[in-house]
Amino acid sequence: QYEVTLELGDASATTTVEVLGDPRSPYTEGELQANFEARMSLMAMQDTANRAMRQIDVARADIETIKRLLSLRLEQEKNDDLEALKKQAGNMRKGLDELEKLYRTPKNTRGITYDGDTVASKLDTARSYVRPGNGAPSPTALSYYGILRASLERATQEVNVFMTEDLAKFRESVDSAGISLLSVNETITVPE
């Protein structure tokens, strides 16, 4: 129940109102609440997948920048260590591309691809069983929800390991090679 006050100029009226469920709906308030909670949980899983993909996209852009910086340094000086680091950057890029495939079919992929094992596909399937205004999730919906959760946990674990181990080691190698953004190599002076 809610107390509602309507004011117009100096006059006001207060009354109590009760919000009733849709009489055409066969679902109880508890079933509708269970549906709402399931949809909120699916949204949270979508957010987790989006955060992982943002990390992958940002790391991939950083790798491309590092590759360009390495190429510029290699134009100035031939160096086997920098060549090896550039090759390692290529391998990091491939690793990120493989991580993306856990979540979705990469953009610009040619041909007809199977994506039923991606997190995005499993999320779409789970969502199709939990619609707004429906009752509590069915056993089938809960099954697909569990499949999605397991897939998201596996994919997210792989991203976390890659970011905290593989990419962290690569970052150390890049730092020790003196490759960085906004670095000043020498002070420029005006000749006398």
Protein backbone atom coordinates (compact mmCIF):
# COMPACT_ATOMS: atom_id res chain seq x y z
CA GLN A 1 0.00 0.00 0.00
CA TYR A 2 1.06 3.54 -0.73
CA GLU A 3 -0.15 6.88 0.54
CA VAL A 4 -0.66 9.33 -2.31
CA THR A 5 -1.12 13.08 -1.97
CA LEU A 6 -2.39 15.21 -4.83
CA GLU A 7 -1.84 18.94 -4.54
CA LEU A 8 -3.28 21.67 -6.73
CA GLY A 9 -2.78 25.24 -5.60
CA ASP A 10 -3.82 25.42 -1.92
CA ALA A 11 -5.95 22.28 -2.08
CA SER A 12 -4.67 18.79 -1.40
CA ALA A 13 -6.14 15.34 -1.07
CA THR A 14 -4.53 12.26 0.46
CA THR A 15 -5.58 8.67 0.04
CA THR A 16 -4.18 5.17 0.31
CA VAL A 17 -3.77 3.06 -2.79
CA GLU A 18 -2.93 -0.57 -3.19
CA VAL A 19 -1.06 -1.80 -6.27
CA LEU A 20 -2.58 -5.05 -7.50
CA GLY A 21 -1.10 -7.52 -9.89
CA ASP A 22 -2.38 -7.80 -13.44
CA PRO A 23 -5.54 -9.89 -13.10
CA ARG A 24 -4.86 -11.43 -16.52
CA SER A 25 -1.48 -12.78 -15.40
CA PRO A 26 -1.40 -16.38 -14.20
CA TYR A 27 1.79 -15.75 -12.16
CA THR A 28 2.07 -15.07 -8.47
CA GLU A 29 4.09 -12.20 -7.06
CA GLY A 30 6.77 -14.70 -5.99
CA GLU A 31 7.03 -16.12 -9.50
CA LEU A 32 7.34 -12.64 -10.99
CA GLN A 33 10.01 -11.76 -8.42
CA ALA A 34 11.95 -14.94 -9.30
CA ASN A 35 11.76 -13.96 -12.97
CA PHE A 36 13.02 -10.46 -12.19
CA GLU A 37 15.93 -11.80 -10.13
CA ALA A 38 16.88 -14.23 -12.91
CA ARG A 39 16.91 -11.40 -15.46
CA MET A 40 19.03 -9.24 -13.13
CA SER A 41 21.47 -12.13 -12.73
CA LEU A 42 21.69 -12.53 -16.51
CA MET A 43 22.39 -8.79 -16.81
CA ALA A 44 25.20 -9.13 -14.26
CA MET A 45 26.70 -11.98 -16.30
CA GLN A 46 26.44 -9.84 -19.45
CA ASP A 47 28.29 -7.08 -17.59
CA THR A 48 31.04 -9.54 -16.59
CA ALA A 49 31.44 -10.66 -20.21
CA ASN A 50 31.54 -7.02 -21.37
CA ARG A 51 34.25 -6.17 -18.82
CA ALA A 52 36.35 -9.12 -19.98
CA MET A 53 35.97 -8.10 -23.63
CA ARG A 54 36.95 -4.51 -22.79
CA GLN A 55 40.13 -5.83 -21.14
CA ILE A 56 40.89 -7.93 -24.22
CA ASP A 57 40.23 -4.99 -26.59
CA VAL A 58 42.37 -2.57 -24.56
CA ALA A 59 45.23 -5.08 -24.26
CA ARG A 60 45.06 -5.78 -28.00
CA ALA A 61 45.28 -2.04 -28.78
CA ASP A 62 48.23 -1.73 -26.38
CA ILE A 63 49.98 -4.65 -28.09
CA GLU A 64 49.54 -2.99 -31.48
CA THR A 65 51.03 0.23 -30.11
CA ILE A 66 53.99 -1.69 -28.67
CA LYS A 67 54.52 -3.43 -32.02
CA ARG A 68 54.62 -0.03 -33.77
CA LEU A 69 57.09 1.31 -31.19
CA LEU A 70 59.26 -1.78 -31.62
CA SER A 71 59.20 -1.36 -35.40
CA LEU A 72 60.34 2.25 -35.03
CA ARG A 73 63.20 1.21 -32.75
CA LEU A 74 64.19 -1.59 -35.12
CA GLU A 75 64.36 0.92 -37.99
CA GLN A 76 66.93 2.84 -35.95
CA GLU A 77 68.96 -0.16 -34.79
CA LYS A 78 69.06 -3.85 -35.58
CA ASN A 79 68.61 -5.72 -32.32
CA ASP A 80 67.87 -9.43 -31.84
CA ASP A 81 66.27 -8.85 -28.44
CA LEU A 82 63.85 -6.33 -29.91
CA GLU A 83 63.08 -8.72 -32.79
CA ALA A 84 62.28 -11.44 -30.24
CA LEU A 85 60.10 -9.00 -28.29
CA LYS A 86 58.22 -8.08 -31.47
CA LYS A 87 57.60 -11.77 -32.13
CA GLN A 88 56.41 -12.16 -28.53
CA ALA A 89 54.01 -9.24 -29.12
CA GLY A 90 52.59 -11.14 -32.08
CA ASN A 91 52.08 -14.19 -29.88
CA MET A 92 50.35 -12.04 -27.24
CA ARG A 93 48.04 -10.73 -29.96
CA LYS A 94 47.19 -14.29 -31.02
CA GLY A 95 46.47 -15.18 -27.40
CA LEU A 96 44.08 -12.25 -27.07
CA ASP A 97 42.36 -13.24 -30.31
CA GLU A 98 41.82 -16.74 -28.94
CA LEU A 99 40.39 -15.32 -25.71
CA GLU A 100 37.93 -13.25 -27.71
CA LYS A 101 36.66 -16.44 -29.38
CA LEU A 102 35.59 -17.72 -25.95
CA TYR A 103 33.17 -14.80 -25.74
CA ARG A 104 32.07 -14.06 -29.30
CA THR A 105 32.82 -14.50 -32.97
CA PRO A 106 35.44 -11.85 -33.81
CA LYS A 107 34.46 -8.95 -36.03
CA ASN A 108 35.23 -9.33 -39.73
CA THR A 109 35.27 -13.13 -39.50
CA ARG A 110 34.62 -14.52 -42.95
CA GLY A 111 32.32 -17.35 -43.80
CA ILE A 112 29.76 -19.19 -41.76
CA THR A 113 31.07 -19.92 -38.31
CA TYR A 114 29.86 -22.03 -35.42
CA ASP A 115 29.52 -19.91 -32.32
CA GLY A 116 27.35 -22.12 -30.13
CA ASP A 117 30.17 -22.52 -27.63
CA THR A 118 30.69 -18.79 -27.08
CA VAL A 119 29.57 -17.02 -23.93
CA ALA A 120 27.48 -14.66 -26.09
CA SER A 121 25.57 -17.55 -27.64
CA LYS A 122 24.94 -19.19 -24.28
CA LEU A 123 23.81 -15.87 -22.85
CA ASP A 124 21.34 -15.41 -25.70
CA THR A 125 19.98 -18.91 -25.16
CA ALA A 126 19.59 -18.41 -21.39
CA ARG A 127 17.87 -15.06 -21.99
CA SER A 128 15.41 -16.63 -24.41
CA TYR A 129 14.05 -18.76 -21.57
CA VAL A 130 13.61 -15.89 -19.11
CA ARG A 131 11.36 -13.18 -20.53
CA PRO A 132 9.90 -10.15 -18.76
CA GLY A 133 6.42 -10.77 -17.44
CA ASN A 134 6.83 -14.53 -17.34
CA GLY A 135 6.82 -16.59 -14.19
CA ALA A 136 9.69 -18.17 -12.33
CA PRO A 137 12.41 -19.70 -14.51
CA SER A 138 11.58 -23.22 -15.65
CA PRO A 139 13.92 -26.18 -15.03
CA THR A 140 15.06 -25.79 -18.65
CA ALA A 141 15.83 -22.10 -18.09
CA LEU A 142 17.76 -22.96 -14.92
CA SER A 143 19.70 -25.59 -16.86
CA TYR A 144 20.74 -23.08 -19.52
CA TYR A 145 21.54 -20.59 -16.77
CA GLY A 146 23.93 -23.14 -15.24
CA ILE A 147 25.55 -23.84 -18.62
CA LEU A 148 26.08 -20.11 -19.14
CA ARG A 149 27.53 -19.61 -15.66
CA ALA A 150 30.01 -22.48 -16.13
CA SER A 151 31.06 -21.16 -19.56
CA LEU A 152 31.46 -17.61 -18.25
CA GLU A 153 33.49 -18.79 -15.25
CA ARG A 154 35.86 -20.80 -17.49
CA ALA A 155 36.30 -17.96 -19.99
CA THR A 156 36.78 -15.35 -17.27
CA GLN A 157 39.35 -17.54 -15.51
CA GLU A 158 41.32 -17.84 -18.76
CA VAL A 159 41.24 -14.06 -19.24
CA ASN A 160 42.37 -13.46 -15.67
CA VAL A 161 45.27 -15.92 -15.98
CA PHE A 162 46.34 -14.41 -19.30
CA MET A 163 46.21 -10.85 -17.97
CA THR A 164 47.94 -11.54 -14.66
CA GLU A 165 50.55 -14.01 -15.89
CA ASP A 166 51.26 -13.98 -19.65
CA LEU A 167 50.57 -10.30 -20.26
CA ALA A 168 52.29 -9.28 -17.01
CA LYS A 169 55.50 -11.11 -18.08
CA PHE A 170 55.32 -9.48 -21.49
CA ARG A 171 54.86 -6.07 -19.85
CA GLU A 172 58.03 -6.67 -17.82
CA SER A 173 59.95 -7.56 -20.99
CA VAL A 174 58.68 -4.42 -22.71
CA ASP A 175 59.64 -2.27 -19.70
CA SER A 176 63.14 -3.76 -19.52
CA ALA A 177 63.62 -3.07 -23.23
CA GLY A 178 62.89 0.60 -22.52
CA ILE A 179 59.77 0.63 -24.67
CA SER A 180 57.14 2.96 -23.24
CA LEU A 181 54.80 5.75 -24.14
CA LEU A 182 55.63 9.35 -23.37
CA SER A 183 59.28 8.55 -22.82
CA VAL A 184 61.92 11.21 -23.30
CA ASN A 185 65.09 9.68 -24.71
CA GLU A 186 67.22 12.80 -24.66
CA THR A 187 67.02 16.46 -23.83
CA ILE A 188 66.97 18.60 -26.94
CA THR A 189 69.18 21.65 -26.89
CA VAL A 190 69.43 24.54 -29.29
CA PRO A 191 72.89 24.84 -30.79
CA GLU A 192 74.91 27.93 -29.78
